[in-house]
PDB file of N, CA and C in Angstrom:
ATOM      1  N   MET A   1      22.051  -5.125  12.319  1.00  0.00           N
ATOM      2  CA  MET A   1      21.248  -4.032  12.849  1.00  0.00           C
ATOM      3  C   MET A   1      20.135  -3.711  11.843  1.00  0.00           C
ATOM      4  N   ALA A   2      18.932  -3.625  12.334  1.00  0.00           N
ATOM      5  CA  ALA A   2      17.775  -3.348  11.475  1.00  0.00           C
ATOM      6  C   ALA A   2      17.635  -1.839  11.243  1.00  0.00           C
ATOM      7  N   THR A   3      17.225  -1.501  10.050  1.00  0.00           N
ATOM      8  CA  THR A   3      16.964  -0.095   9.734  1.00  0.00           C
ATOM      9  C   THR A   3      15.503   0.231  10.035  1.00  0.00           C
ATOM     10  N   HIS A   4      15.181   1.509  10.005  1.00  0.00           N
ATOM     11  CA  HIS A   4      13.784   1.923  10.176  1.00  0.00           C
ATOM     12  C   HIS A   4      12.910   1.288   9.100  1.00  0.00           C
ATOM     13  N   ALA A   5      13.442   1.180   7.897  1.00  0.00           N
ATOM     14  CA  ALA A   5      12.683   0.590   6.788  1.00  0.00           C
ATOM     15  C   ALA A   5      12.394  -0.881   7.059  1.00  0.00           C
ATOM     16  N   HIS A   6      13.372  -1.606   7.602  1.00  0.00           N
ATOM     17  CA  HIS A   6      13.148  -3.023   7.929  1.00  0.00           C
ATOM     18  C   HIS A   6      12.070  -3.166   9.000  1.00  0.00           C
ATOM     19  N   LEU A   7      12.126  -2.313  10.009  1.00  0.00           N
ATOM     20  CA  LEU A   7      11.122  -2.356  11.068  1.00  0.00           C
ATOM     21  C   LEU A   7       9.739  -2.018  10.517  1.00  0.00           C
ATOM     22  N   ALA A   8       9.676  -0.996   9.677  1.00  0.00           N
ATOM     23  CA  ALA A   8       8.388  -0.604   9.085  1.00  0.00           C
ATOM     24  C   ALA A   8       7.817  -1.747   8.244  1.00  0.00           C
ATOM     25  N   ALA A   9       8.655  -2.385   7.455  1.00  0.00           N
ATOM     26  CA  ALA A   9       8.188  -3.495   6.622  1.00  0.00           C
ATOM     27  C   ALA A   9       7.683  -4.650   7.492  1.00  0.00           C
ATOM     28  N   LYS A  10       8.388  -4.942   8.583  1.00  0.00           N
ATOM     29  CA  LYS A  10       7.940  -6.006   9.479  1.00  0.00           C
ATOM     30  C   LYS A  10       6.594  -5.656  10.099  1.00  0.00           C
ATOM     31  N   LEU A  11       6.423  -4.440  10.545  1.00  0.00           N
ATOM     32  CA  LEU A  11       5.148  -4.023  11.133  1.00  0.00           C
ATOM     33  C   LEU A  11       4.017  -4.107  10.105  1.00  0.00           C
ATOM     34  N   LEU A  12       4.303  -3.715   8.870  1.00  0.00           N
ATOM     35  CA  LEU A  12       3.288  -3.798   7.818  1.00  0.00           C
ATOM     36  C   LEU A  12       2.911  -5.246   7.539  1.00  0.00           C
ATOM     37  N   ARG A  13       3.897  -6.133   7.501  1.00  0.00           N
ATOM     38  CA  ARG A  13       3.613  -7.552   7.259  1.00  0.00           C
ATOM     39  C   ARG A  13       2.837  -8.169   8.442  1.00  0.00           C
ATOM     40  N   ASP A  14       3.179  -7.749   9.662  1.00  0.00           N
ATOM     41  CA  ASP A  14       2.431  -8.224  10.824  1.00  0.00           C
ATOM     42  C   ASP A  14       0.981  -7.756  10.767  1.00  0.00           C
ATOM     43  N   ALA A  15       0.770  -6.519  10.321  1.00  0.00           N
ATOM     44  CA  ALA A  15      -0.599  -6.012  10.170  1.00  0.00           C
ATOM     45  C   ALA A  15      -1.339  -6.797   9.096  1.00  0.00           C
ATOM     46  N   ALA A  16      -0.653  -7.142   8.017  1.00  0.00           N
ATOM     47  CA  ALA A  16      -1.276  -7.945   6.960  1.00  0.00           C
ATOM     48  C   ALA A  16      -1.714  -9.301   7.516  1.00  0.00           C
ATOM     49  N   THR A  17      -0.875  -9.904   8.329  1.00  0.00           N
ATOM     50  CA  THR A  17      -1.228 -11.185   8.953  1.00  0.00           C
ATOM     51  C   THR A  17      -2.449 -11.023   9.857  1.00  0.00           C
ATOM     52  N   PHE A  18      -2.499  -9.924  10.594  1.00  0.00           N
ATOM     53  CA  PHE A  18      -3.657  -9.644  11.446  1.00  0.00           C
ATOM     54  C   PHE A  18      -4.939  -9.582  10.603  1.00  0.00           C
ATOM     55  N   PHE A  19      -4.893  -8.830   9.496  1.00  0.00           N
ATOM     56  CA  PHE A  19      -6.073  -8.719   8.637  1.00  0.00           C
ATOM     57  C   PHE A  19      -6.490 -10.084   8.096  1.00  0.00           C
ATOM     58  N   LYS A  20      -5.521 -10.892   7.698  1.00  0.00           N
ATOM     59  CA  LYS A  20      -5.844 -12.228   7.195  1.00  0.00           C
ATOM     60  C   LYS A  20      -6.515 -13.076   8.278  1.00  0.00           C
ATOM     61  N   ASN A  21      -6.006 -12.975   9.500  1.00  0.00           N
ATOM     62  CA  ASN A  21      -6.592 -13.733  10.607  1.00  0.00           C
ATOM     63  C   ASN A  21      -8.020 -13.284  10.898  1.00  0.00           C
ATOM     64  N   VAL A  22      -8.253 -11.982  10.855  1.00  0.00           N
ATOM     65  CA  VAL A  22      -9.613 -11.471  11.074  1.00  0.00           C
ATOM     66  C   VAL A  22     -10.538 -12.017   9.987  1.00  0.00           C
ATOM     67  N   GLY A  23     -10.088 -12.013   8.747  1.00  0.00           N
ATOM     68  CA  GLY A  23     -10.899 -12.528   7.648  1.00  0.00           C
ATOM     69  C   GLY A  23     -11.198 -14.009   7.777  1.00  0.00           C
ATOM     70  N   THR A  24     -10.237 -14.758   8.279  1.00  0.00           N
ATOM     71  CA  THR A  24     -10.432 -16.192   8.477  1.00  0.00           C
ATOM     72  C   THR A  24     -11.485 -16.454   9.553  1.00  0.00           C
ATOM     73  N   GLN A  25     -11.501 -15.598  10.559  1.00  0.00           N
ATOM     74  CA  GLN A  25     -12.421 -15.785  11.675  1.00  0.00           C
ATOM     75  C   GLN A  25     -13.787 -15.146  11.443  1.00  0.00           C
ATOM     76  N   ASN A  26     -13.886 -14.284  10.436  1.00  0.00           N
ATOM     77  CA  ASN A  26     -15.140 -13.577  10.171  1.00  0.00           C
ATOM     78  C   ASN A  26     -15.376 -13.579   8.663  1.00  0.00           C
ATOM     79  N   LEU A  27     -15.978 -14.637   8.162  1.00  0.00           N
ATOM     80  CA  LEU A  27     -16.116 -14.839   6.715  1.00  0.00           C
ATOM     81  C   LEU A  27     -16.808 -13.690   5.976  1.00  0.00           C
ATOM     82  N   PRO A  28     -17.812 -13.004   6.558  1.00  0.00           N
ATOM     83  CA  PRO A  28     -18.396 -11.877   5.826  1.00  0.00           C
ATOM     84  C   PRO A  28     -17.387 -10.747   5.547  1.00  0.00           C
ATOM     85  N   LEU A  29     -16.326 -10.681   6.344  1.00  0.00           N
ATOM     86  CA  LEU A  29     -15.305  -9.641   6.153  1.00  0.00           C
ATOM     87  C   LEU A  29     -14.074 -10.136   5.408  1.00  0.00           C
ATOM     88  N   LYS A  30     -14.044 -11.413   5.053  1.00  0.00           N
ATOM     89  CA  LYS A  30     -12.834 -12.019   4.488  1.00  0.00           C
ATOM     90  C   LYS A  30     -12.306 -11.284   3.261  1.00  0.00           C
ATOM     91  N   GLU A  31     -13.166 -10.976   2.305  1.00  0.00           N
ATOM     92  CA  GLU A  31     -12.692 -10.318   1.082  1.00  0.00           C
ATOM     93  C   GLU A  31     -12.066  -8.953   1.394  1.00  0.00           C
ATOM     94  N   GLN A  32     -12.739  -8.182   2.220  1.00  0.00           N
ATOM     95  CA  GLN A  32     -12.209  -6.861   2.583  1.00  0.00           C
ATOM     96  C   GLN A  32     -10.897  -6.988   3.356  1.00  0.00           C
ATOM     97  N   MET A  33     -10.822  -7.934   4.272  1.00  0.00           N
ATOM     98  CA  MET A  33      -9.603  -8.124   5.064  1.00  0.00           C
ATOM     99  C   MET A  33      -8.446  -8.609   4.191  1.00  0.00           C
ATOM    100  N   ASP A  34      -8.742  -9.479   3.228  1.00  0.00           N
ATOM    101  CA  ASP A  34      -7.705  -9.936   2.297  1.00  0.00           C
ATOM    102  C   ASP A  34      -7.204  -8.781   1.435  1.00  0.00           C
ATOM    103  N   ASP A  35      -8.118  -7.897   1.028  1.00  0.00           N
ATOM    104  CA  ASP A  35      -7.716  -6.705   0.264  1.00  0.00           C
ATOM    105  C   ASP A  35      -6.807  -5.815   1.108  1.00  0.00           C
ATOM    106  N   ASN A  36      -7.196  -5.604   2.360  1.00  0.00           N
ATOM    107  CA  ASN A  36      -6.363  -4.797   3.262  1.00  0.00           C
ATOM    108  C   ASN A  36      -4.986  -5.420   3.419  1.00  0.00           C
ATOM    109  N   ALA A  37      -4.951  -6.733   3.636  1.00  0.00           N
ATOM    110  CA  ALA A  37      -3.680  -7.434   3.808  1.00  0.00           C
ATOM    111  C   ALA A  37      -2.801  -7.265   2.575  1.00  0.00           C
ATOM    112  N   SER A  38      -3.407  -7.354   1.407  1.00  0.00           N
ATOM    113  CA  SER A  38      -2.653  -7.206   0.161  1.00  0.00           C
ATOM    114  C   SER A  38      -2.009  -5.827   0.049  1.00  0.00           C
ATOM    115  N   VAL A  39      -2.751  -4.792   0.413  1.00  0.00           N
ATOM    116  CA  VAL A  39      -2.207  -3.423   0.363  1.00  0.00           C
ATOM    117  C   VAL A  39      -1.024  -3.292   1.324  1.00  0.00           C
ATOM    118  N   TYR A  40      -1.176  -3.807   2.534  1.00  0.00           N
ATOM    119  CA  TYR A  40      -0.094  -3.715   3.518  1.00  0.00           C
ATOM    120  C   TYR A  40       1.143  -4.476   3.032  1.00  0.00           C
ATOM    121  N   GLU A  41       0.947  -5.633   2.409  1.00  0.00           N
ATOM    122  CA  GLU A  41       2.080  -6.388   1.880  1.00  0.00           C
ATOM    123  C   GLU A  41       2.765  -5.650   0.735  1.00  0.00           C
ATOM    124  N   GLN A  42       1.972  -4.999  -0.116  1.00  0.00           N
ATOM    125  CA  GLN A  42       2.551  -4.239  -1.232  1.00  0.00           C
ATOM    126  C   GLN A  42       3.372  -3.062  -0.720  1.00  0.00           C
ATOM    127  N   VAL A  43       2.868  -2.379   0.303  1.00  0.00           N
ATOM    128  CA  VAL A  43       3.613  -1.249   0.869  1.00  0.00           C
ATOM    129  C   VAL A  43       4.876  -1.756   1.562  1.00  0.00           C
ATOM    130  N   ALA A  44       4.793  -2.896   2.223  1.00  0.00           N
ATOM    131  CA  ALA A  44       5.991  -3.487   2.841  1.00  0.00           C
ATOM    132  C   ALA A  44       7.046  -3.765   1.778  1.00  0.00           C
ATOM    133  N   ASP A  45       6.628  -4.294   0.628  1.00  0.00           N
ATOM    134  CA  ASP A  45       7.572  -4.530  -0.476  1.00  0.00           C
ATOM    135  C   ASP A  45       8.210  -3.226  -0.935  1.00  0.00           C
ATOM    136  N   LEU A  46       7.388  -2.171  -1.073  1.00  0.00           N
ATOM    137  CA  LEU A  46       7.932  -0.875  -1.493  1.00  0.00           C
ATOM    138  C   LEU A  46       8.967  -0.367  -0.494  1.00  0.00           C
ATOM    139  N   VAL A  47       8.651  -0.450   0.784  1.00  0.00           N
ATOM    140  CA  VAL A  47       9.549   0.050   1.826  1.00  0.00           C
ATOM    141  C   VAL A  47      10.850  -0.745   1.846  1.00  0.00           C
ATOM    142  N   GLU A  48      10.752  -2.059   1.666  1.00  0.00           N
ATOM    143  CA  GLU A  48      11.963  -2.890   1.657  1.00  0.00           C
ATOM    144  C   GLU A  48      12.815  -2.662   0.419  1.00  0.00           C
ATOM    145  N   ASN A  49      12.169  -2.604  -0.735  1.00  0.00           N
ATOM    146  CA  ASN A  49      12.904  -2.550  -1.998  1.00  0.00           C
ATOM    147  C   ASN A  49      13.338  -1.156  -2.413  1.00  0.00           C
ATOM    148  N   ASP A  50      12.627  -0.137  -1.968  1.00  0.00           N
ATOM    149  CA  ASP A  50      12.972   1.238  -2.344  1.00  0.00           C
ATOM    150  C   ASP A  50      12.558   2.183  -1.207  1.00  0.00           C
ATOM    151  N   PRO A  51      13.289   2.131  -0.077  1.00  0.00           N
ATOM    152  CA  PRO A  51      12.862   2.866   1.114  1.00  0.00           C
ATOM    153  C   PRO A  51      12.759   4.377   0.928  1.00  0.00           C
ATOM    154  N   SER A  52      13.455   4.937  -0.026  1.00  0.00           N
ATOM    155  CA  SER A  52      13.360   6.392  -0.229  1.00  0.00           C
ATOM    156  C   SER A  52      12.603   6.725  -1.510  1.00  0.00           C
ATOM    157  N   GLY A  53      11.845   5.752  -2.018  1.00  0.00           N
ATOM    158  CA  GLY A  53      11.062   5.974  -3.236  1.00  0.00           C
ATOM    159  C   GLY A  53       9.997   7.043  -3.027  1.00  0.00           C
ATOM    160  N   VAL A  54       9.544   7.583  -4.136  1.00  0.00           N
ATOM    161  CA  VAL A  54       8.570   8.671  -4.103  1.00  0.00           C
ATOM    162  C   VAL A  54       7.335   8.257  -4.891  1.00  0.00           C
ATOM    163  N   LEU A  55       6.168   8.528  -4.320  1.00  0.00           N
ATOM    164  CA  LEU A  55       4.910   8.308  -5.021  1.00  0.00           C
ATOM    165  C   LEU A  55       4.495   9.603  -5.681  1.00  0.00           C
ATOM    166  N   ASP A  56       3.986   9.529  -6.877  1.00  0.00           N
ATOM    167  CA  ASP A  56       3.560  10.708  -7.615  1.00  0.00           C
ATOM    168  C   ASP A  56       2.079  10.966  -7.316  1.00  0.00           C
ATOM    169  N   LEU A  57       1.816  11.559  -6.152  1.00  0.00           N
ATOM    170  CA  LEU A  57       0.455  11.866  -5.750  1.00  0.00           C
ATOM    171  C   LEU A  57       0.309  13.365  -5.541  1.00  0.00           C
ATOM    172  N   GLU A  58      -0.876  13.871  -5.827  1.00  0.00           N
ATOM    173  CA  GLU A  58      -1.149  15.273  -5.529  1.00  0.00           C
ATOM    174  C   GLU A  58      -1.302  15.409  -4.026  1.00  0.00           C
ATOM    175  N   GLU A  59      -0.913  16.551  -3.492  1.00  0.00           N
ATOM    176  CA  GLU A  59      -1.013  16.777  -2.058  1.00  0.00           C
ATOM    177  C   GLU A  59      -2.459  16.763  -1.586  1.00  0.00           C
ATOM    178  N   GLU A  60      -3.346  17.451  -2.281  1.00  0.00           N
ATOM    179  CA  GLU A  60      -4.738  17.508  -1.868  1.00  0.00           C
ATOM    180  C   GLU A  60      -5.484  16.306  -2.424  1.00  0.00           C
ATOM    181  N   GLY A  61      -6.079  15.525  -1.561  1.00  0.00           N
ATOM    182  CA  GLY A  61      -6.875  14.396  -2.004  1.00  0.00           C
ATOM    183  C   GLY A  61      -6.075  13.136  -2.272  1.00  0.00           C
ATOM    184  N   ASN A  62      -4.755  13.237  -2.357  1.00  0.00           N
ATOM    185  CA  ASN A  62      -3.897  12.074  -2.615  1.00  0.00           C
ATOM    186  C   ASN A  62      -4.358  11.247  -3.799  1.00  0.00           C
ATOM    187  N   THR A  63      -4.731  11.907  -4.877  1.00  0.00           N
ATOM    188  CA  THR A  63      -5.121  11.197  -6.087  1.00  0.00           C
ATOM    189  C   THR A  63      -3.984  11.271  -7.086  1.00  0.00           C
ATOM    190  N   PRO A  64      -3.829  10.240  -7.908  1.00  0.00           N
ATOM    191  CA  PRO A  64      -2.750  10.274  -8.906  1.00  0.00           C
ATOM    192  C   PRO A  64      -2.919  11.447  -9.861  1.00  0.00           C
ATOM    193  N   LYS A  65      -1.799  12.008 -10.233  1.00  0.00           N
ATOM    194  CA  LYS A  65      -1.830  13.115 -11.186  1.00  0.00           C
ATOM    195  C   LYS A  65      -2.199  12.604 -12.567  1.00  0.00           C
ATOM    196  N   GLU A  66      -2.998  13.388 -13.258  1.00  0.00           N
ATOM    197  CA  GLU A  66      -3.355  13.032 -14.624  1.00  0.00           C
ATOM    198  C   GLU A  66      -2.370  13.676 -15.579  1.00  0.00           C
ATOM    199  N   GLU A  67      -2.129  12.984 -16.661  1.00  0.00           N
ATOM    200  CA  GLU A  67      -1.277  13.544 -17.697  1.00  0.00           C
ATOM    201  C   GLU A  67      -2.011  14.710 -18.349  1.00  0.00           C
ATOM    202  N   PRO A  68      -1.283  15.769 -18.701  1.00  0.00           N
ATOM    203  CA  PRO A  68      -1.962  16.879 -19.375  1.00  0.00           C
ATOM    204  C   PRO A  68      -2.570  16.422 -20.706  1.00  0.00           C
ATOM    205  N   LYS A  69      -3.755  16.879 -20.970  1.00  0.00           N
ATOM    206  CA  LYS A  69      -4.423  16.492 -22.206  1.00  0.00           C
ATOM    207  C   LYS A  69      -4.014  17.460 -23.318  1.00  0.00           C
ATOM    208  N   GLU A  70      -3.721  16.877 -24.455  1.00  0.00           N
ATOM    209  CA  GLU A  70      -3.342  17.707 -25.594  1.00  0.00           C
ATOM    210  C   GLU A  70      -4.585  18.294 -26.244  1.00  0.00           C
ATOM    211  N   GLU A  71      -4.480  19.541 -26.619  1.00  0.00           N
ATOM    212  CA  GLU A  71      -5.569  20.205 -27.307  1.00  0.00           C
ATOM    213  C   GLU A  71      -5.630  19.670 -28.742  1.00  0.00           C
ATOM    214  N   PRO A  72      -6.823  19.450 -29.279  1.00  0.00           N
ATOM    215  CA  PRO A  72      -6.911  18.976 -30.671  1.00  0.00           C
ATOM    216  C   PRO A  72      -6.337  20.027 -31.617  1.00  0.00           C
ATOM    217  N   LYS A  73      -5.593  19.541 -32.597  1.00  0.00           N
ATOM    218  CA  LYS A  73      -5.006  20.450 -33.595  1.00  0.00           C
ATOM    219  C   LYS A  73      -5.987  20.644 -34.718  1.00  0.00           C
ATOM    220  N   GLU A  74      -6.108  21.873 -35.128  1.00  0.00           N
ATOM    221  CA  GLU A  74      -7.064  22.190 -36.209  1.00  0.00           C
ATOM    222  C   GLU A  74      -6.398  22.181 -37.550  1.00  0.00           C
TER     223      GLU A  74
END
């Protein structure tokens, strides 16, 4: 029996294949489509290997959190 995570990973990999096919058929878009495919494959790996993993992103803007900067010591 497949889990939701397995289904999600399969859908992500299928989308990656779609992007690769579009890039193959449209050379001016190939680099961008290959980049998209790579992201989808990486997320599929995350979902398969750690389905309840957490990303450390800020809620607003979804940018990675910066480490607090230390004040210079005098």
